Amino acid sequence: MSEQKKRILVVDDEENACIALSKILAHEGYEVASAGNGYEALNYLRGNEVDLIITDINMPEMDGLA
């Protein structure tokens, strides 16, 4: 029986940082989703479950703590 991959949501308004972190995590065997801001993250979470959220704290409109 195979273990299901853990799903991580990466939230960052800096696209390059989001891409780099997502690639590293995927290489380590995680299923990775990404969002460019807090609103995108909330929208993703309405239809998906995640095991961990890694978020930038300083983002425009909605910060990573909201």
PDB file of N, CA and C in Angstrom:
ATOM      1  N   MET A   1       0.852  -1.173   0.000  1.00  0.00           N
ATOM      2  CA  MET A   1       0.000   0.000   0.000  1.00  0.00           C
ATOM      3  C   MET A   1       0.898   1.237   0.000  1.00  0.00           C
ATOM      4  N   SER A   2       0.697   2.120  -0.959  1.00  0.00           N
ATOM      5  CA  SER A   2       1.549   3.309  -1.050  1.00  0.00           C
ATOM      6  C   SER A   2       0.981   4.451  -0.215  1.00  0.00           C
ATOM      7  N   GLU A   3       1.883   5.216   0.357  1.00  0.00           N
ATOM      8  CA  GLU A   3       1.492   6.359   1.175  1.00  0.00           C
ATOM      9  C   GLU A   3       1.172   7.539   0.266  1.00  0.00           C
ATOM     10  N   GLN A   4       0.085   8.247   0.580  1.00  0.00           N
ATOM     11  CA  GLN A   4      -0.314   9.401  -0.216  1.00  0.00           C
ATOM     12  C   GLN A   4       0.643  10.564   0.043  1.00  0.00           C
ATOM     13  N   LYS A   5       1.005  11.273  -1.029  1.00  0.00           N
ATOM     14  CA  LYS A   5       1.904  12.417  -0.895  1.00  0.00           C
ATOM     15  C   LYS A   5       1.245  13.518  -0.073  1.00  0.00           C
ATOM     16  N   LYS A   6       2.035  14.171   0.746  1.00  0.00           N
ATOM     17  CA  LYS A   6       1.552  15.326   1.497  1.00  0.00           C
ATOM     18  C   LYS A   6       1.442  16.509   0.544  1.00  0.00           C
ATOM     19  N   ARG A   7       0.390  17.311   0.710  1.00  0.00           N
ATOM     20  CA  ARG A   7       0.141  18.448  -0.170  1.00  0.00           C
ATOM     21  C   ARG A   7       0.495  19.750   0.555  1.00  0.00           C
ATOM     22  N   ILE A   8       1.313  20.565  -0.102  1.00  0.00           N
ATOM     23  CA  ILE A   8       1.752  21.848   0.446  1.00  0.00           C
ATOM     24  C   ILE A   8       1.286  22.963  -0.472  1.00  0.00           C
ATOM     25  N   LEU A   9       0.754  24.022   0.118  1.00  0.00           N
ATOM     26  CA  LEU A   9       0.371  25.219  -0.623  1.00  0.00           C
ATOM     27  C   LEU A   9       1.404  26.297  -0.340  1.00  0.00           C
ATOM     28  N   VAL A  10       2.036  26.802  -1.398  1.00  0.00           N
ATOM     29  CA  VAL A  10       3.025  27.877  -1.293  1.00  0.00           C
ATOM     30  C   VAL A  10       2.349  29.166  -1.746  1.00  0.00           C
ATOM     31  N   VAL A  11       2.399  30.194  -0.886  1.00  0.00           N
ATOM     32  CA  VAL A  11       1.759  31.474  -1.201  1.00  0.00           C
ATOM     33  C   VAL A  11       2.812  32.572  -1.153  1.00  0.00           C
ATOM     34  N   ASP A  12       3.036  33.221  -2.297  1.00  0.00           N
ATOM     35  CA  ASP A  12       4.033  34.296  -2.365  1.00  0.00           C
ATOM     36  C   ASP A  12       3.739  35.168  -3.574  1.00  0.00           C
ATOM     37  N   ASP A  13       3.789  36.476  -3.383  1.00  0.00           N
ATOM     38  CA  ASP A  13       3.538  37.397  -4.494  1.00  0.00           C
ATOM     39  C   ASP A  13       4.750  37.539  -5.405  1.00  0.00           C
ATOM     40  N   GLU A  14       5.901  37.067  -4.963  1.00  0.00           N
ATOM     41  CA  GLU A  14       7.101  37.084  -5.809  1.00  0.00           C
ATOM     42  C   GLU A  14       7.147  35.758  -6.568  1.00  0.00           C
ATOM     43  N   GLU A  15       6.843  35.824  -7.853  1.00  0.00           N
ATOM     44  CA  GLU A  15       6.693  34.617  -8.667  1.00  0.00           C
ATOM     45  C   GLU A  15       7.935  33.732  -8.653  1.00  0.00           C
ATOM     46  N   ASN A  16       9.119  34.332  -8.746  1.00  0.00           N
ATOM     47  CA  ASN A  16      10.352  33.531  -8.770  1.00  0.00           C
ATOM     48  C   ASN A  16      10.551  32.753  -7.477  1.00  0.00           C
ATOM     49  N   ALA A  17      10.237  33.363  -6.346  1.00  0.00           N
ATOM     50  CA  ALA A  17      10.366  32.678  -5.059  1.00  0.00           C
ATOM     51  C   ALA A  17       9.376  31.523  -4.975  1.00  0.00           C
ATOM     52  N   CYS A  18       8.176  31.765  -5.451  1.00  0.00           N
ATOM     53  CA  CYS A  18       7.132  30.740  -5.436  1.00  0.00           C
ATOM     54  C   CYS A  18       7.532  29.548  -6.314  1.00  0.00           C
ATOM     55  N   ILE A  19       8.030  29.831  -7.486  1.00  0.00           N
ATOM     56  CA  ILE A  19       8.454  28.772  -8.408  1.00  0.00           C
ATOM     57  C   ILE A  19       9.620  27.977  -7.827  1.00  0.00           C
ATOM     58  N   ALA A  20      10.617  28.679  -7.301  1.00  0.00           N
ATOM     59  CA  ALA A  20      11.800  28.005  -6.758  1.00  0.00           C
ATOM     60  C   ALA A  20      11.436  27.089  -5.593  1.00  0.00           C
ATOM     61  N   LEU A  21      10.656  27.597  -4.649  1.00  0.00           N
ATOM     62  CA  LEU A  21      10.279  26.787  -3.492  1.00  0.00           C
ATOM     63  C   LEU A  21       9.408  25.608  -3.919  1.00  0.00           C
ATOM     64  N   SER A  22       8.511  25.838  -4.843  1.00  0.00           N
ATOM     65  CA  SER A  22       7.650  24.758  -5.336  1.00  0.00           C
ATOM     66  C   SER A  22       8.472  23.649  -5.986  1.00  0.00           C
ATOM     67  N   LYS A  23       9.474  24.011  -6.769  1.00  0.00           N
ATOM     68  CA  LYS A  23      10.329  23.007  -7.415  1.00  0.00           C
ATOM     69  C   LYS A  23      11.105  22.191  -6.389  1.00  0.00           C
ATOM     70  N   ILE A  24      11.639  22.861  -5.380  1.00  0.00           N
ATOM     71  CA  ILE A  24      12.393  22.162  -4.333  1.00  0.00           C
ATOM     72  C   ILE A  24      11.495  21.167  -3.606  1.00  0.00           C
ATOM     73  N   LEU A  25      10.312  21.612  -3.225  1.00  0.00           N
ATOM     74  CA  LEU A  25       9.390  20.746  -2.490  1.00  0.00           C
ATOM     75  C   LEU A  25       8.917  19.571  -3.348  1.00  0.00           C
ATOM     76  N   ALA A  26       8.627  19.822  -4.615  1.00  0.00           N
ATOM     77  CA  ALA A  26       8.207  18.746  -5.519  1.00  0.00           C
ATOM     78  C   ALA A  26       9.329  17.721  -5.684  1.00  0.00           C
ATOM     79  N   HIS A  27      10.558  18.203  -5.777  1.00  0.00           N
ATOM     80  CA  HIS A  27      11.717  17.306  -5.896  1.00  0.00           C
ATOM     81  C   HIS A  27      11.854  16.423  -4.653  1.00  0.00           C
ATOM     82  N   GLU A  28      11.444  16.942  -3.506  1.00  0.00           N
ATOM     83  CA  GLU A  28      11.513  16.179  -2.254  1.00  0.00           C
ATOM     84  C   GLU A  28      10.330  15.224  -2.093  1.00  0.00           C
ATOM     85  N   GLY A  29       9.425  15.214  -3.071  1.00  0.00           N
ATOM     86  CA  GLY A  29       8.340  14.243  -3.047  1.00  0.00           C
ATOM     87  C   GLY A  29       6.990  14.755  -2.597  1.00  0.00           C
ATOM     88  N   TYR A  30       6.858  16.049  -2.407  1.00  0.00           N
ATOM     89  CA  TYR A  30       5.581  16.618  -1.997  1.00  0.00           C
ATOM     90  C   TYR A  30       4.741  16.992  -3.212  1.00  0.00           C
ATOM     91  N   GLU A  31       3.432  16.963  -3.039  1.00  0.00           N
ATOM     92  CA  GLU A  31       2.526  17.511  -4.039  1.00  0.00           C
ATOM     93  C   GLU A  31       2.404  18.995  -3.710  1.00  0.00           C
ATOM     94  N   VAL A  32       2.662  19.862  -4.670  1.00  0.00           N
ATOM     95  CA  VAL A  32       2.741  21.296  -4.393  1.00  0.00           C
ATOM     96  C   VAL A  32       1.746  22.065  -5.248  1.00  0.00           C
ATOM     97  N   ALA A  33       1.039  22.975  -4.599  1.00  0.00           N
ATOM     98  CA  ALA A  33       0.187  23.942  -5.289  1.00  0.00           C
ATOM     99  C   ALA A  33       0.717  25.317  -4.912  1.00  0.00           C
ATOM    100  N   SER A  34       0.452  26.306  -5.752  1.00  0.00           N
ATOM    101  CA  SER A  34       0.938  27.646  -5.434  1.00  0.00           C
ATOM    102  C   SER A  34      -0.141  28.679  -5.699  1.00  0.00           C
ATOM    103  N   ALA A  35      -0.005  29.803  -5.000  1.00  0.00           N
ATOM    104  CA  ALA A  35      -0.916  30.933  -5.154  1.00  0.00           C
ATOM    105  C   ALA A  35      -0.091  32.207  -5.081  1.00  0.00           C
ATOM    106  N   GLY A  36      -0.471  33.203  -5.877  1.00  0.00           N
ATOM    107  CA  GLY A  36       0.274  34.453  -5.943  1.00  0.00           C
ATOM    108  C   GLY A  36      -0.133  35.494  -4.929  1.00  0.00           C
ATOM    109  N   ASN A  37      -1.216  35.227  -4.193  1.00  0.00           N
ATOM    110  CA  ASN A  37      -1.646  36.159  -3.146  1.00  0.00           C
ATOM    111  C   ASN A  37      -2.627  35.448  -2.214  1.00  0.00           C
ATOM    112  N   GLY A  38      -3.017  36.150  -1.160  1.00  0.00           N
ATOM    113  CA  GLY A  38      -3.907  35.559  -0.168  1.00  0.00           C
ATOM    114  C   GLY A  38      -5.270  35.187  -0.715  1.00  0.00           C
ATOM    115  N   TYR A  39      -5.794  35.992  -1.624  1.00  0.00           N
ATOM    116  CA  TYR A  39      -7.104  35.702  -2.206  1.00  0.00           C
ATOM    117  C   TYR A  39      -7.074  34.431  -3.050  1.00  0.00           C
ATOM    118  N   GLU A  40      -6.013  34.254  -3.826  1.00  0.00           N
ATOM    119  CA  GLU A  40      -5.859  33.019  -4.610  1.00  0.00           C
ATOM    120  C   GLU A  40      -5.747  31.811  -3.679  1.00  0.00           C
ATOM    121  N   ALA A  41      -5.029  31.983  -2.582  1.00  0.00           N
ATOM    122  CA  ALA A  41      -4.865  30.889  -1.620  1.00  0.00           C
ATOM    123  C   ALA A  41      -6.210  30.496  -1.013  1.00  0.00           C
ATOM    124  N   LEU A  42      -6.994  31.483  -0.598  1.00  0.00           N
ATOM    125  CA  LEU A  42      -8.310  31.189  -0.023  1.00  0.00           C
ATOM    126  C   LEU A  42      -9.212  30.503  -1.037  1.00  0.00           C
ATOM    127  N   ASN A  43      -9.165  30.958  -2.268  1.00  0.00           N
ATOM    128  CA  ASN A  43      -9.963  30.337  -3.322  1.00  0.00           C
ATOM    129  C   ASN A  43      -9.545  28.878  -3.520  1.00  0.00           C
ATOM    130  N   TYR A  44      -8.246  28.613  -3.525  1.00  0.00           N
ATOM    131  CA  TYR A  44      -7.746  27.242  -3.667  1.00  0.00           C
ATOM    132  C   TYR A  44      -8.233  26.376  -2.501  1.00  0.00           C
ATOM    133  N   LEU A  45      -8.175  26.929  -1.296  1.00  0.00           N
ATOM    134  CA  LEU A  45      -8.536  26.162  -0.106  1.00  0.00           C
ATOM    135  C   LEU A  45     -10.027  25.854  -0.027  1.00  0.00           C
ATOM    136  N   ARG A  46     -10.848  26.592  -0.742  1.00  0.00           N
ATOM    137  CA  ARG A  46     -12.287  26.305  -0.757  1.00  0.00           C
ATOM    138  C   ARG A  46     -12.586  24.941  -1.388  1.00  0.00           C
ATOM    139  N   GLY A  47     -11.729  24.509  -2.291  1.00  0.00           N
ATOM    140  CA  GLY A  47     -11.986  23.250  -2.977  1.00  0.00           C
ATOM    141  C   GLY A  47     -10.939  22.180  -2.774  1.00  0.00           C
ATOM    142  N   ASN A  48      -9.924  22.474  -1.969  1.00  0.00           N
ATOM    143  CA  ASN A  48      -8.815  21.530  -1.802  1.00  0.00           C
ATOM    144  C   ASN A  48      -8.349  21.491  -0.357  1.00  0.00           C
ATOM    145  N   GLU A  49      -7.869  20.332   0.053  1.00  0.00           N
ATOM    146  CA  GLU A  49      -7.266  20.195   1.377  1.00  0.00           C
ATOM    147  C   GLU A  49      -5.756  20.207   1.229  1.00  0.00           C
ATOM    148  N   VAL A  50      -5.079  20.801   2.201  1.00  0.00           N
ATOM    149  CA  VAL A  50      -3.619  20.801   2.217  1.00  0.00           C
ATOM    150  C   VAL A  50      -3.146  20.367   3.595  1.00  0.00           C
ATOM    151  N   ASP A  51      -1.920  19.882   3.641  1.00  0.00           N
ATOM    152  CA  ASP A  51      -1.320  19.477   4.905  1.00  0.00           C
ATOM    153  C   ASP A  51      -0.508  20.601   5.536  1.00  0.00           C
ATOM    154  N   LEU A  52      -0.026  21.519   4.690  1.00  0.00           N
ATOM    155  CA  LEU A  52       0.824  22.605   5.168  1.00  0.00           C
ATOM    156  C   LEU A  52       0.703  23.795   4.230  1.00  0.00           C
ATOM    157  N   ILE A  53       0.720  24.994   4.802  1.00  0.00           N
ATOM    158  CA  ILE A  53       0.762  26.225   4.010  1.00  0.00           C
ATOM    159  C   ILE A  53       2.047  26.954   4.355  1.00  0.00           C
ATOM    160  N   ILE A  54       2.819  27.296   3.332  1.00  0.00           N
ATOM    161  CA  ILE A  54       4.013  28.126   3.499  1.00  0.00           C
ATOM    162  C   ILE A  54       3.692  29.444   2.820  1.00  0.00           C
ATOM    163  N   THR A  55       3.691  30.530   3.591  1.00  0.00           N
ATOM    164  CA  THR A  55       3.261  31.809   3.039  1.00  0.00           C
ATOM    165  C   THR A  55       4.226  32.940   3.351  1.00  0.00           C
ATOM    166  N   ASP A  56       4.340  33.833   2.396  1.00  0.00           N
ATOM    167  CA  ASP A  56       5.039  35.096   2.595  1.00  0.00           C
ATOM    168  C   ASP A  56       4.161  35.928   3.523  1.00  0.00           C
ATOM    169  N   ILE A  57       4.751  36.649   4.440  1.00  0.00           N
ATOM    170  CA  ILE A  57       3.964  37.475   5.354  1.00  0.00           C
ATOM    171  C   ILE A  57       3.674  38.840   4.751  1.00  0.00           C
ATOM    172  N   ASN A  58       4.629  39.419   4.046  1.00  0.00           N
ATOM    173  CA  ASN A  58       4.472  40.757   3.476  1.00  0.00           C
ATOM    174  C   ASN A  58       4.027  40.680   2.024  1.00  0.00           C
ATOM    175  N   MET A  59       2.696  40.757   1.830  1.00  0.00           N
ATOM    176  CA  MET A  59       2.135  40.769   0.482  1.00  0.00           C
ATOM    177  C   MET A  59       1.124  41.907   0.400  1.00  0.00           C
ATOM    178  N   PRO A  60       0.942  42.475  -0.792  1.00  0.00           N
ATOM    179  CA  PRO A  60      -0.046  43.546  -0.936  1.00  0.00           C
ATOM    180  C   PRO A  60      -1.475  43.011  -0.792  1.00  0.00           C
ATOM    181  N   GLU A  61      -2.381  43.860  -0.445  1.00  0.00           N
ATOM    182  CA  GLU A  61      -3.816  43.590  -0.301  1.00  0.00           C
ATOM    183  C   GLU A  61      -4.143  42.699   0.888  1.00  0.00           C
ATOM    184  N   MET A  62      -3.642  41.488   0.920  1.00  0.00           N
ATOM    185  CA  MET A  62      -3.896  40.577   2.038  1.00  0.00           C
ATOM    186  C   MET A  62      -2.574  39.934   2.433  1.00  0.00           C
ATOM    187  N   ASP A  63      -2.126  40.186   3.666  1.00  0.00           N
ATOM    188  CA  ASP A  63      -0.838  39.632   4.084  1.00  0.00           C
ATOM    189  C   ASP A  63      -0.973  38.149   4.427  1.00  0.00           C
ATOM    190  N   GLY A  64       0.135  37.535   4.719  1.00  0.00           N
ATOM    191  CA  GLY A  64       0.151  36.110   5.004  1.00  0.00           C
ATOM    192  C   GLY A  64      -0.386  35.725   6.364  1.00  0.00           C
ATOM    193  N   LEU A  65      -0.782  36.708   7.167  1.00  0.00           N
ATOM    194  CA  LEU A  65      -1.331  36.424   8.487  1.00  0.00           C
ATOM    195  C   LEU A  65      -2.843  36.551   8.542  1.00  0.00           C
ATOM    196  N   ALA A  66      -3.451  37.089   7.496  1.00  0.00           N
ATOM    197  CA  ALA A  66      -4.908  37.344   7.509  1.00  0.00           C
ATOM    198  C   ALA A  66      -5.700  36.056   7.524  1.00  0.00           C
TER     199      ALA A  66
END
